[in-house]
Amino acid sequence: MTTFKQRALDYHEFPKPGKISVESSKPCESAEDLALAYSPGVAEPVRAIAEDPENAYRYTNKGNLVAVISDGTAILGLGNLGPLASKPVMEGKGILFKRFANIDVFDIEINAPSVRDFIETVVNIAPTFGGINLEDIAAPHCFEIEKELSERLDIPVFHDDQHGTAVIICAGLINALHVQGKQLADAKIVCLGAGAAGTASLRLLLAMGADKSKILVVDKAGVLHTGMQDLPPHHAFFAADTEARTLADAMRGADAFIGVSAGNLVSQDMLKSMADKPVVFALANPDPEISPAEAHAARGDLIMATGRSDYPNQVNNVLGFPFIFRGALDARAKRITKEMQIAAVHALAELAREPVPAEVLAIYKVDSMEFGREYILPKPFDPRLIDRIPPAVAKAVRTEQ
């Protein structure tokens, strides 16, 4: 029997290496086609763009082309393996952009000696693209990179590990709390993992009404608290005035747990100490902070989500980034804003509460699927996603303009 490892390697190697390719969108079958595609016909759009740069959106693929860019310092759960090793992941993002939102992608892996080199490289190649998707860049450098690029470029810059993850977590958490009869503003939230995904998710939750005084963040050093010295800015913001020092301390009485850290760090006793009807998002991959089997054995009243597709309630970024970019590109957005992210959250959360079409049930080979404890987010192959999220994001862009 062929192992999963071998099937994965064969998938990437055959019938030709890699997962994406460039295809012509115009005919090039005759002498006239050639004259139009290149010299002398190509001179006409060149002149038009030189006269008005906005014409690049009329005569080139700029408006539907996203750069997926990484330095390979935080590849999936594999760590800093370098830019070349990140290429299969970046090609994979390209497939998802194309499949779910019909957006073209060039994957770009940058061997940058410093953060400054990385930023300048992206700035210098930006004219080619309608948007930039940053991927698998380690914290805290990712914060500086995303912030400066967003300020310097006139196209949307999106760090999926921050903002994409945040959108899906927020949509799922809002729905899970709703099912449990709780409100975001009242929820005591514990986040394990203070990197890009965790801090961005919490900031978005705050923008949507969460109470900062009810949030505890835990990293390798324990609970982030005001007695700690020399915390980096993204940690200091979440330092709480609390006596809690360990994850076990933080979990007592918590309504929601968000894990974006590593596998098997949460015990059944920790879950038992949480409030009634808790929400547990154990999102570490491939091994969650606590397995669904252990979690459900400890608590019969919880709602559980993971990052895996083989359990209910997968928190999957593909629900977000292709559709957010589709809306941003369609509205010619210059940046990704909190308002655009919140619009995507609401669109996702509301869609999950609607009846599931028969075609989605057929894809997932189930007889029924309805909003509740095991269905708090839409499924990635739900065809309604493209009709709901991009217009909501585009509307947010136009409201801000």
Protein backbone atom coordinates (compact mmCIF):
# COMPACT_ATOMS: atom_id res chain seq x y z
CA MET A 1 0.00 0.00 0.00
CA THR A 2 1.40 3.40 -0.98
CA THR A 3 2.09 5.61 2.01
CA PHE A 4 0.63 9.10 2.33
CA LYS A 5 4.17 10.50 2.19
CA GLN A 6 4.78 8.83 -1.18
CA ARG A 7 1.39 9.90 -2.53
CA ALA A 8 2.20 13.49 -1.55
CA LEU A 9 5.60 13.34 -3.25
CA ASP A 10 4.12 11.75 -6.39
CA TYR A 11 1.39 14.41 -6.49
CA HIS A 12 4.04 17.13 -6.57
CA GLU A 13 6.31 15.38 -9.10
CA PHE A 14 3.97 13.91 -11.73
CA PRO A 15 2.97 14.37 -14.51
CA LYS A 16 5.31 17.35 -14.31
CA PRO A 17 7.07 18.90 -11.31
CA GLY A 18 5.26 21.52 -9.25
CA LYS A 19 1.62 22.59 -8.91
CA ILE A 20 1.20 25.77 -10.96
CA SER A 21 2.09 26.97 -14.46
CA VAL A 22 1.65 30.04 -16.66
CA GLU A 23 -0.88 29.81 -19.49
CA SER A 24 -1.56 32.27 -22.27
CA SER A 25 -4.86 34.14 -22.06
CA LYS A 26 -4.65 35.37 -25.66
CA PRO A 27 -4.28 33.48 -28.96
CA CYS A 28 -0.83 33.26 -30.49
CA GLU A 29 -1.44 31.04 -33.51
CA SER A 30 -0.78 33.32 -36.47
CA ALA A 31 1.57 36.01 -37.71
CA GLU A 32 -1.06 38.62 -36.87
CA ASP A 33 -1.45 37.28 -33.32
CA LEU A 34 2.32 37.46 -32.89
CA ALA A 35 2.40 41.03 -34.16
CA LEU A 36 -0.29 42.01 -31.66
CA ALA A 37 1.15 40.05 -28.75
CA TYR A 38 4.67 41.39 -29.14
CA SER A 39 6.32 43.75 -31.60
CA PRO A 40 4.97 46.03 -32.98
CA GLY A 41 1.51 45.79 -31.34
CA VAL A 42 2.74 45.66 -27.75
CA ALA A 43 4.04 49.21 -28.10
CA GLU A 44 0.50 50.59 -27.94
CA PRO A 45 -0.33 49.46 -24.38
CA VAL A 46 3.21 50.41 -23.33
CA ARG A 47 2.57 53.99 -24.45
CA ALA A 48 -0.88 54.00 -22.83
CA ILE A 49 0.52 52.85 -19.49
CA ALA A 50 3.39 55.33 -19.62
CA GLU A 51 0.82 58.08 -20.16
CA ASP A 52 -1.46 56.86 -17.35
CA PRO A 53 -0.33 54.06 -14.96
CA GLU A 54 -3.97 53.16 -14.28
CA ASN A 55 -4.07 51.74 -17.80
CA ALA A 56 -2.02 48.80 -16.50
CA TYR A 57 -5.31 47.50 -15.10
CA ARG A 58 -6.84 47.67 -18.62
CA TYR A 59 -4.04 46.18 -20.68
CA THR A 60 -2.18 43.75 -18.36
CA ASN A 61 -3.03 41.11 -15.78
CA LYS A 62 -1.98 43.36 -12.88
CA GLY A 63 -5.52 43.68 -11.54
CA ASN A 64 -5.91 39.91 -11.13
CA LEU A 65 -2.35 38.99 -10.16
CA VAL A 66 -1.19 38.41 -6.59
CA ALA A 67 2.34 37.75 -5.40
CA VAL A 68 2.56 35.03 -2.75
CA ILE A 69 5.83 35.85 -1.01
CA SER A 70 7.85 34.12 1.72
CA ASP A 71 11.32 34.00 3.22
CA GLY A 72 10.70 30.50 4.57
CA THR A 73 11.30 31.42 8.21
CA ALA A 74 8.06 29.89 9.53
CA ILE A 75 6.91 27.19 7.11
CA LEU A 76 3.64 25.62 8.30
CA GLY A 77 4.55 23.80 11.52
CA LEU A 78 8.01 22.95 10.21
CA GLY A 79 9.88 26.10 11.22
CA ASN A 80 12.71 27.99 9.51
CA LEU A 81 13.70 25.79 6.58
CA GLY A 82 14.55 28.60 4.16
CA PRO A 83 12.95 30.15 1.10
CA LEU A 84 13.49 27.28 -1.34
CA ALA A 85 11.83 24.76 0.97
CA SER A 86 8.82 27.09 1.22
CA LYS A 87 8.16 26.92 -2.52
CA PRO A 88 5.75 23.94 -2.42
CA VAL A 89 3.62 25.81 0.13
CA MET A 90 3.62 29.00 -1.93
CA GLU A 91 2.65 27.04 -5.06
CA GLY A 92 -0.11 25.47 -2.98
CA LYS A 93 -1.43 28.91 -2.09
CA GLY A 94 -1.41 29.68 -5.81
CA ILE A 95 -3.66 26.68 -6.48
CA LEU A 96 -6.10 27.82 -3.80
CA PHE A 97 -6.22 31.41 -5.08
CA LYS A 98 -7.01 30.13 -8.58
CA ARG A 99 -9.45 27.37 -7.61
CA PHE A 100 -11.55 29.37 -5.18
CA ALA A 101 -11.37 32.96 -6.49
CA ASN A 102 -9.94 32.73 -10.02
CA ILE A 103 -6.94 34.87 -9.03
CA ASP A 104 -3.60 34.34 -10.76
CA VAL A 105 -0.46 33.99 -8.65
CA PHE A 106 3.29 34.23 -9.01
CA ASP A 107 4.98 32.56 -6.04
CA ILE A 108 8.14 34.39 -4.99
CA GLU A 109 10.61 32.98 -2.48
CA ILE A 110 13.08 35.59 -1.23
CA ASN A 111 16.53 34.85 0.17
CA ALA A 112 16.83 38.06 2.18
CA PRO A 113 19.73 38.56 4.62
CA SER A 114 17.69 41.05 6.66
CA VAL A 115 14.20 42.39 7.20
CA ARG A 116 15.23 45.55 5.40
CA ASP A 117 16.39 43.55 2.36
CA PHE A 118 13.10 41.66 2.30
CA ILE A 119 11.03 44.84 2.44
CA GLU A 120 13.01 46.58 -0.29
CA THR A 121 12.80 43.51 -2.54
CA VAL A 122 9.01 43.45 -2.27
CA VAL A 123 8.74 47.21 -2.82
CA ASN A 124 10.88 46.94 -5.94
CA ILE A 125 8.81 44.15 -7.55
CA ALA A 126 5.40 45.50 -6.44
CA PRO A 127 4.52 47.28 -9.73
CA THR A 128 3.89 43.87 -11.31
CA PHE A 129 1.06 42.98 -8.95
CA GLY A 130 -2.43 43.96 -7.88
CA GLY A 131 -1.82 42.62 -4.37
CA ILE A 132 0.78 41.04 -2.07
CA ASN A 133 0.11 37.97 0.08
CA LEU A 134 2.83 37.45 2.70
CA GLU A 135 3.19 33.90 3.92
CA ASP A 136 5.14 31.85 6.47
CA ILE A 137 7.27 34.72 7.81
CA ALA A 138 8.31 34.41 11.45
CA ALA A 139 7.23 36.79 14.19
CA PRO A 140 8.15 39.44 15.20
CA HIS A 141 9.63 40.33 11.78
CA CYS A 142 6.31 39.69 10.05
CA PHE A 143 4.70 42.59 11.93
CA GLU A 144 7.31 45.10 10.80
CA ILE A 145 7.26 43.78 7.23
CA GLU A 146 3.48 43.89 6.85
CA LYS A 147 3.17 47.32 8.47
CA GLU A 148 5.84 49.02 6.36
CA LEU A 149 4.76 47.43 3.09
CA SER A 150 1.13 48.44 3.74
CA GLU A 151 2.27 52.03 4.29
CA ARG A 152 4.59 52.23 1.30
CA LEU A 153 2.62 50.40 -1.39
CA ASP A 154 -0.59 51.46 -3.13
CA ILE A 155 -1.86 47.87 -3.44
CA PRO A 156 -3.30 45.63 -0.70
CA VAL A 157 -0.77 43.76 1.45
CA PHE A 158 -2.12 40.80 3.38
CA HIS A 159 -0.26 38.57 5.82
CA ASP A 160 -2.37 35.43 5.78
CA ASP A 161 -0.83 33.96 8.94
CA GLN A 162 -2.02 37.09 10.75
CA HIS A 163 -5.12 38.45 9.07
CA GLY A 164 -6.41 35.39 7.25
CA THR A 165 -6.22 33.25 10.36
CA ALA A 166 -7.79 36.05 12.41
CA VAL A 167 -10.83 36.32 10.13
CA ILE A 168 -11.61 32.60 10.29
CA ILE A 169 -11.01 32.33 14.03
CA CYS A 170 -13.25 35.32 14.71
CA ALA A 171 -16.08 34.04 12.52
CA GLY A 172 -15.92 30.59 14.10
CA LEU A 173 -15.64 31.91 17.65
CA ILE A 174 -18.58 34.29 17.28
CA ASN A 175 -20.74 31.45 15.99
CA ALA A 176 -19.54 28.99 18.62
CA LEU A 177 -20.25 31.45 21.43
CA HIS A 178 -23.69 32.07 19.91
CA VAL A 179 -24.47 28.35 19.93
CA GLN A 180 -23.33 28.19 23.57
CA GLY A 181 -25.58 31.12 24.47
CA LYS A 182 -22.72 33.54 25.13
CA GLN A 183 -21.67 36.98 23.88
CA LEU A 184 -18.21 37.99 22.73
CA ALA A 185 -18.17 41.06 24.99
CA ASP A 186 -18.73 38.87 28.08
CA ALA A 187 -16.39 36.00 27.18
CA LYS A 188 -13.23 35.27 29.12
CA ILE A 189 -10.74 34.25 26.41
CA VAL A 190 -7.40 32.45 26.78
CA CYS A 191 -4.98 32.42 23.84
CA LEU A 192 -2.06 30.00 23.85
CA GLY A 193 0.52 31.28 21.36
CA ALA A 194 1.56 34.91 21.12
CA GLY A 195 2.88 34.95 17.57
CA ALA A 196 1.39 36.35 14.37
CA ALA A 197 -1.83 34.31 14.34
CA GLY A 198 -2.65 34.68 18.02
CA THR A 199 -2.05 38.40 18.43
CA ALA A 200 -3.77 39.31 15.14
CA SER A 201 -6.80 37.23 16.05
CA LEU A 202 -7.09 38.88 19.45
CA ARG A 203 -6.73 42.38 17.99
CA LEU A 204 -9.53 41.63 15.53
CA LEU A 205 -11.68 40.24 18.33
CA LEU A 206 -11.09 43.46 20.28
CA ALA A 207 -12.15 45.48 17.24
CA MET A 208 -15.35 43.43 17.16
CA GLY A 209 -16.23 43.98 20.80
CA ALA A 210 -14.19 41.60 22.98
CA ASP A 211 -13.20 42.94 26.41
CA LYS A 212 -9.42 43.26 26.76
CA SER A 213 -9.68 42.89 30.55
CA LYS A 214 -11.08 39.39 30.01
CA ILE A 215 -8.22 38.20 27.74
CA LEU A 216 -5.16 36.26 28.91
CA VAL A 217 -2.33 35.39 26.54
CA VAL A 218 0.10 32.57 27.26
CA ASP A 219 3.42 31.88 25.56
CA LYS A 220 6.49 29.79 26.43
CA ALA A 221 7.26 32.03 29.42
CA GLY A 222 3.74 31.64 30.81
CA VAL A 223 0.93 34.17 31.09
CA LEU A 224 1.89 37.59 29.70
CA HIS A 225 1.50 39.91 32.67
CA THR A 226 2.38 43.48 33.62
CA GLY A 227 5.21 42.38 35.90
CA MET A 228 7.26 41.12 32.95
CA GLN A 229 10.16 43.22 31.74
CA ASP A 230 11.36 44.00 28.20
CA LEU A 231 8.41 42.45 26.39
CA PRO A 232 8.30 43.08 22.62
CA PRO A 233 5.48 45.46 21.62
CA HIS A 234 3.14 42.76 20.30
CA HIS A 235 3.43 40.96 23.67
CA ALA A 236 3.38 44.05 25.89
CA PHE A 237 0.02 45.09 24.42
CA PHE A 238 -1.58 41.95 25.87
CA ALA A 239 0.24 41.92 29.23
CA ALA A 240 -2.53 41.59 31.83
CA ASP A 241 -2.79 42.73 35.43
CA THR A 242 -3.32 39.21 36.77
CA GLU A 243 -2.06 36.74 39.34
CA ALA A 244 -2.29 33.91 36.77
CA ARG A 245 1.11 32.62 35.73
CA THR A 246 0.56 29.27 34.02
CA LEU A 247 -1.76 27.98 31.33
CA ALA A 248 -3.61 25.98 33.98
CA ASP A 249 -4.14 29.18 35.98
CA ALA A 250 -5.42 31.03 32.92
CA MET A 251 -7.86 28.30 31.91
CA ARG A 252 -9.85 28.37 35.17
CA GLY A 253 -13.26 29.82 34.43
CA ALA A 254 -12.44 30.61 30.79
CA ASP A 255 -15.28 30.65 28.27
CA ALA A 256 -13.04 30.19 25.23
CA PHE A 257 -9.61 28.79 24.46
CA ILE A 258 -7.71 29.63 21.27
CA GLY A 259 -4.63 27.51 20.68
CA VAL A 260 -2.19 28.54 17.96
CA SER A 261 0.90 26.94 19.44
CA ALA A 262 1.95 23.28 19.50
CA GLY A 263 0.43 19.88 20.06
CA ASN A 264 -0.59 18.27 23.34
CA LEU A 265 -0.12 21.28 25.63
CA VAL A 266 -3.65 21.27 27.07
CA SER A 267 -4.81 18.64 29.57
CA GLN A 268 -8.25 17.29 30.32
CA ASP A 269 -8.00 18.83 33.81
CA MET A 270 -7.53 22.24 32.21
CA LEU A 271 -10.71 21.78 30.19
CA LYS A 272 -12.59 20.62 33.27
CA SER A 273 -11.65 23.89 35.00
CA MET A 274 -13.22 26.04 32.26
CA ALA A 275 -16.63 27.69 32.54
CA ASP A 276 -19.87 25.94 31.59
CA LYS A 277 -20.33 25.39 27.85
CA PRO A 278 -16.77 26.30 26.81
CA VAL A 279 -15.40 26.79 23.31
CA VAL A 280 -12.08 25.10 22.50
CA PHE A 281 -10.16 26.00 19.35
CA ALA A 282 -7.11 23.70 19.33
CA LEU A 283 -5.57 24.79 16.04
CA ALA A 284 -2.00 23.49 16.16
CA ASN A 285 -1.17 21.29 13.16
CA PRO A 286 -0.84 18.41 12.67
CA ASP A 287 -1.37 17.68 16.37
CA PRO A 288 -3.91 19.89 18.19
CA GLU A 289 -3.19 21.25 21.67
CA ILE A 290 -5.64 18.58 22.83
CA SER A 291 -7.24 15.92 20.64
CA PRO A 292 -11.00 16.06 20.03
CA ALA A 293 -11.35 12.60 21.58
CA GLU A 294 -9.69 13.72 24.83
CA ALA A 295 -11.56 17.02 24.84
CA HIS A 296 -14.99 15.46 24.41
CA ALA A 297 -14.18 12.82 27.02
CA ALA A 298 -13.38 15.60 29.49
CA ARG A 299 -16.35 17.83 28.69
CA GLY A 300 -19.67 16.88 27.13
CA ASP A 301 -20.78 20.49 26.83
CA LEU A 302 -17.94 21.98 24.77
CA ILE A 303 -17.68 23.05 21.15
CA MET A 304 -14.43 21.89 19.60
CA ALA A 305 -12.58 23.17 16.52
CA THR A 306 -9.21 22.20 15.08
CA GLY A 307 -7.07 23.04 12.08
CA ARG A 308 -7.56 19.56 10.62
CA SER A 309 -9.92 18.48 7.86
CA ASP A 310 -10.65 15.09 9.44
CA TYR A 311 -12.56 16.58 12.37
CA PRO A 312 -15.68 18.77 12.45
CA ASN A 313 -15.26 22.56 12.59
CA GLN A 314 -12.00 22.93 10.69
CA VAL A 315 -10.60 26.47 10.97
CA ASN A 316 -9.25 26.70 7.43
CA ASN A 317 -7.70 29.86 5.96
CA VAL A 318 -8.97 28.96 2.51
CA LEU A 319 -12.33 30.26 3.73
CA GLY A 320 -10.77 33.71 3.85
CA PHE A 321 -7.79 34.81 1.82
CA PRO A 322 -8.95 33.99 -1.74
CA PHE A 323 -12.28 35.73 -1.22
CA ILE A 324 -10.88 38.69 0.70
CA PHE A 325 -8.40 39.31 -2.11
CA ARG A 326 -11.13 38.87 -4.71
CA GLY A 327 -13.13 41.64 -3.05
CA ALA A 328 -10.06 43.83 -2.60
CA LEU A 329 -8.99 43.45 -6.23
CA ASP A 330 -12.50 44.02 -7.57
CA ALA A 331 -12.83 47.25 -5.58
CA ARG A 332 -9.25 48.33 -6.43
CA ALA A 333 -8.41 48.60 -2.72
CA LYS A 334 -5.09 50.15 -1.78
CA ARG A 335 -4.81 48.26 1.52
CA ILE A 336 -6.48 45.63 3.68
CA THR A 337 -8.26 47.36 6.56
CA LYS A 338 -9.89 46.22 9.79
CA GLU A 339 -13.25 47.12 8.26
CA MET A 340 -12.64 44.77 5.34
CA GLN A 341 -11.64 41.98 7.71
CA ILE A 342 -14.71 42.52 9.90
CA ALA A 343 -16.93 42.48 6.80
CA ALA A 344 -15.44 39.10 5.88
CA VAL A 345 -16.00 37.80 9.43
CA HIS A 346 -19.67 38.73 9.38
CA ALA A 347 -20.20 37.30 5.89
CA LEU A 348 -18.64 33.98 6.93
CA ALA A 349 -20.50 33.78 10.22
CA GLU A 350 -23.85 34.59 8.63
CA LEU A 351 -23.39 32.08 5.81
CA ALA A 352 -22.81 29.27 8.30
CA ARG A 353 -26.21 29.95 9.86
CA GLU A 354 -28.07 29.42 6.56
CA PRO A 355 -29.37 26.07 5.24
CA VAL A 356 -26.64 24.07 3.49
CA PRO A 357 -27.31 23.39 -0.22
CA ALA A 358 -27.65 19.81 -1.45
CA GLU A 359 -24.58 20.21 -3.69
CA VAL A 360 -22.40 20.90 -0.63
CA LEU A 361 -23.80 17.83 1.15
CA ALA A 362 -22.98 15.77 -1.94
CA ILE A 363 -19.39 17.03 -2.06
CA TYR A 364 -18.85 16.08 1.58
CA LYS A 365 -20.88 12.86 1.30
CA VAL A 366 -23.24 13.56 4.19
CA ASP A 367 -27.03 13.54 4.44
CA SER A 368 -27.35 16.67 6.54
CA MET A 369 -25.37 19.59 7.85
CA GLU A 370 -26.78 22.43 9.90
CA PHE A 371 -25.61 25.27 12.09
CA GLY A 372 -24.71 23.97 15.53
CA ARG A 373 -21.99 22.40 17.64
CA GLU A 374 -20.36 20.54 14.75
CA TYR A 375 -20.95 23.14 12.04
CA ILE A 376 -19.91 26.68 12.98
CA LEU A 377 -18.16 27.61 9.73
CA PRO A 378 -19.00 27.08 6.04
CA LYS A 379 -17.16 24.34 4.16
CA PRO A 380 -14.36 25.36 1.76
CA PHE A 381 -16.15 23.92 -1.29
CA ASP A 382 -19.37 25.83 -0.59
CA PRO A 383 -20.00 27.69 -3.88
CA ARG A 384 -21.79 30.49 -2.03
CA LEU A 385 -18.52 31.77 -0.54
CA ILE A 386 -17.51 33.54 -3.76
CA ASP A 387 -20.91 35.25 -3.91
CA ARG A 388 -20.89 36.43 -0.29
CA ILE A 389 -17.43 37.35 0.94
CA PRO A 390 -15.96 39.35 -1.99
CA PRO A 391 -19.01 41.67 -2.30
CA ALA A 392 -18.97 42.25 1.48
CA VAL A 393 -15.27 43.12 1.37
CA ALA A 394 -15.70 45.33 -1.71
CA LYS A 395 -18.57 47.15 -0.03
CA ALA A 396 -16.34 47.88 2.97
CA VAL A 397 -13.70 49.29 0.59
CA ARG A 398 -16.18 51.58 -1.13
CA THR A 399 -17.62 52.73 2.21
CA GLU A 400 -14.13 53.82 3.31
CA GLN A 401 -13.27 55.58 0.05
